[in-house]
Amino acid sequence: MFLYDLTNQDQVTAAYTACRELIVETAKAGFGEYRAHLDAMDLVADQYDFNGHAMRRFTQKLKDAIDPAGILAPGKQGIWPAAHRP
């Protein structure tokens, strides 16, 4: 948990930067995030990179099969519908 003053832009920026750095550094140590803020979901999903992001490819296939129009929670947990993938 990060505590900071929402009215102090320097603290807000520092907290978000620290959070992103910790996500990457803890992944290097073998730890994964269980839940993430909306702003960090794509970054967290990027850390699960075993076998060329096999888990992401699997969940994308499920997403495309279940929700081909991509209207149910697009981007949730880093899983984007086919039309919105980078």
C-alpha atoms as a PDB file:
ATOM      1  CA  MET A   1       0.000   0.000   0.000  1.00  0.00           C
ATOM      2  CA  PHE A   2       1.277   3.421  -0.912  1.00  0.00           C
ATOM      3  CA  LEU A   3       0.193   6.395   1.152  1.00  0.00           C
ATOM      4  CA  TYR A   4       0.531   9.819  -0.380  1.00  0.00           C
ATOM      5  CA  ASP A   5      -1.129  13.206  -0.507  1.00  0.00           C
ATOM      6  CA  LEU A   6      -3.471  13.299  -3.510  1.00  0.00           C
ATOM      7  CA  THR A   7      -3.127  17.073  -3.696  1.00  0.00           C
ATOM      8  CA  ASN A   8       0.670  16.862  -4.043  1.00  0.00           C
ATOM      9  CA  GLN A   9       1.456  15.999  -7.679  1.00  0.00           C
ATOM     10  CA  ASP A  10       5.096  15.153  -6.888  1.00  0.00           C
ATOM     11  CA  GLN A  11       3.991  12.542  -4.348  1.00  0.00           C
ATOM     12  CA  VAL A  12       1.398  11.113  -6.727  1.00  0.00           C
ATOM     13  CA  THR A  13       3.964  10.768  -9.512  1.00  0.00           C
ATOM     14  CA  ALA A  14       6.536   9.240  -7.156  1.00  0.00           C
ATOM     15  CA  ALA A  15       4.020   6.694  -5.831  1.00  0.00           C
ATOM     16  CA  TYR A  16       2.981   5.560  -9.320  1.00  0.00           C
ATOM     17  CA  THR A  17       6.611   5.341 -10.422  1.00  0.00           C
ATOM     18  CA  ALA A  18       7.575   3.316  -7.346  1.00  0.00           C
ATOM     19  CA  CYS A  19       4.631   0.972  -7.875  1.00  0.00           C
ATOM     20  CA  ARG A  20       5.608   0.281 -11.490  1.00  0.00           C
ATOM     21  CA  GLU A  21       9.241  -0.286 -10.538  1.00  0.00           C
ATOM     22  CA  LEU A  22       8.250  -2.699  -7.770  1.00  0.00           C
ATOM     23  CA  ILE A  23       6.047  -4.712 -10.113  1.00  0.00           C
ATOM     24  CA  VAL A  24       8.972  -5.240 -12.486  1.00  0.00           C
ATOM     25  CA  GLU A  25      11.564  -5.881  -9.770  1.00  0.00           C
ATOM     26  CA  THR A  26       9.446  -8.362  -7.833  1.00  0.00           C
ATOM     27  CA  ALA A  27       8.698 -10.241 -11.071  1.00  0.00           C
ATOM     28  CA  LYS A  28      12.450 -10.573 -11.659  1.00  0.00           C
ATOM     29  CA  ALA A  29      12.647 -12.206  -8.207  1.00  0.00           C
ATOM     30  CA  GLY A  30       9.921 -14.681  -9.185  1.00  0.00           C
ATOM     31  CA  PHE A  31       6.898 -13.059  -7.575  1.00  0.00           C
ATOM     32  CA  GLY A  32       3.711 -12.177  -9.420  1.00  0.00           C
ATOM     33  CA  GLU A  33       0.987  -9.713  -8.606  1.00  0.00           C
ATOM     34  CA  TYR A  34      -2.341 -11.223  -7.657  1.00  0.00           C
ATOM     35  CA  ARG A  35      -4.431  -8.095  -8.253  1.00  0.00           C
ATOM     36  CA  ALA A  36      -3.537  -4.797  -9.795  1.00  0.00           C
ATOM     37  CA  HIS A  37      -4.903  -1.296 -10.151  1.00  0.00           C
ATOM     38  CA  LEU A  38      -6.408  -0.561 -13.559  1.00  0.00           C
ATOM     39  CA  ASP A  39      -3.406   1.604 -14.434  1.00  0.00           C
ATOM     40  CA  ALA A  40      -1.012  -1.317 -13.879  1.00  0.00           C
ATOM     41  CA  MET A  41      -2.937  -4.290 -15.300  1.00  0.00           C
ATOM     42  CA  ASP A  42      -1.096  -4.359 -18.619  1.00  0.00           C
ATOM     43  CA  LEU A  43       2.273  -4.050 -16.880  1.00  0.00           C
ATOM     44  CA  VAL A  44       1.427  -6.896 -14.504  1.00  0.00           C
ATOM     45  CA  ALA A  45       0.238  -9.086 -17.392  1.00  0.00           C
ATOM     46  CA  ASP A  46       3.545  -8.416 -19.179  1.00  0.00           C
ATOM     47  CA  GLN A  47       5.441  -9.940 -16.243  1.00  0.00           C
ATOM     48  CA  TYR A  48       3.843 -13.360 -16.778  1.00  0.00           C
ATOM     49  CA  ASP A  49       6.051 -14.134 -19.760  1.00  0.00           C
ATOM     50  CA  PHE A  50       6.719 -17.874 -19.466  1.00  0.00           C
ATOM     51  CA  ASN A  51       6.853 -19.657 -22.817  1.00  0.00           C
ATOM     52  CA  GLY A  52       6.287 -16.527 -24.873  1.00  0.00           C
ATOM     53  CA  HIS A  53       3.316 -15.365 -22.809  1.00  0.00           C
ATOM     54  CA  ALA A  54       1.509 -18.713 -23.112  1.00  0.00           C
ATOM     55  CA  MET A  55      -1.032 -17.794 -20.431  1.00  0.00           C
ATOM     56  CA  ARG A  56      -1.898 -14.534 -22.192  1.00  0.00           C
ATOM     57  CA  ARG A  57      -2.327 -16.290 -25.531  1.00  0.00           C
ATOM     58  CA  PHE A  58      -4.609 -18.867 -23.877  1.00  0.00           C
ATOM     59  CA  THR A  59      -6.778 -16.269 -22.151  1.00  0.00           C
ATOM     60  CA  GLN A  60      -6.959 -14.211 -25.352  1.00  0.00           C
ATOM     61  CA  LYS A  61      -8.266 -17.267 -27.195  1.00  0.00           C
ATOM     62  CA  LEU A  62     -10.901 -17.720 -24.503  1.00  0.00           C
ATOM     63  CA  LYS A  63     -11.789 -14.011 -24.656  1.00  0.00           C
ATOM     64  CA  ASP A  64     -12.182 -14.168 -28.434  1.00  0.00           C
ATOM     65  CA  ALA A  65     -14.364 -17.287 -28.235  1.00  0.00           C
ATOM     66  CA  ILE A  66     -16.598 -16.088 -25.414  1.00  0.00           C
ATOM     67  CA  ASP A  67     -16.768 -12.389 -26.268  1.00  0.00           C
ATOM     68  CA  PRO A  68     -15.905 -11.933 -29.968  1.00  0.00           C
ATOM     69  CA  ALA A  69     -17.195  -8.353 -29.993  1.00  0.00           C
ATOM     70  CA  GLY A  70     -14.926  -7.472 -27.061  1.00  0.00           C
ATOM     71  CA  ILE A  71     -17.570  -5.667 -25.021  1.00  0.00           C
ATOM     72  CA  LEU A  72     -17.152  -7.400 -21.649  1.00  0.00           C
ATOM     73  CA  ALA A  73     -14.439  -5.687 -19.606  1.00  0.00           C
ATOM     74  CA  PRO A  74     -11.960  -5.006 -22.421  1.00  0.00           C
ATOM     75  CA  GLY A  75      -8.405  -4.889 -21.078  1.00  0.00           C
ATOM     76  CA  LYS A  76      -9.274  -6.311 -17.669  1.00  0.00           C
ATOM     77  CA  GLN A  77      -6.177  -7.990 -16.226  1.00  0.00           C
ATOM     78  CA  GLY A  78      -4.307  -7.194 -19.446  1.00  0.00           C
ATOM     79  CA  ILE A  79      -6.572  -9.323 -21.660  1.00  0.00           C
ATOM     80  CA  TRP A  80      -7.709  -7.282 -24.641  1.00  0.00           C
ATOM     81  CA  PRO A  81     -10.159  -8.256 -27.384  1.00  0.00           C
ATOM     82  CA  ALA A  82      -8.620  -8.906 -30.799  1.00  0.00           C
ATOM     83  CA  ALA A  83      -9.624  -5.483 -32.180  1.00  0.00           C
ATOM     84  CA  HIS A  84      -7.765  -3.660 -29.394  1.00  0.00           C
ATOM     85  CA  ARG A  85      -4.542  -5.645 -29.071  1.00  0.00           C
ATOM     86  CA  PRO A  86      -1.312  -3.787 -29.647  1.00  0.00           C
END
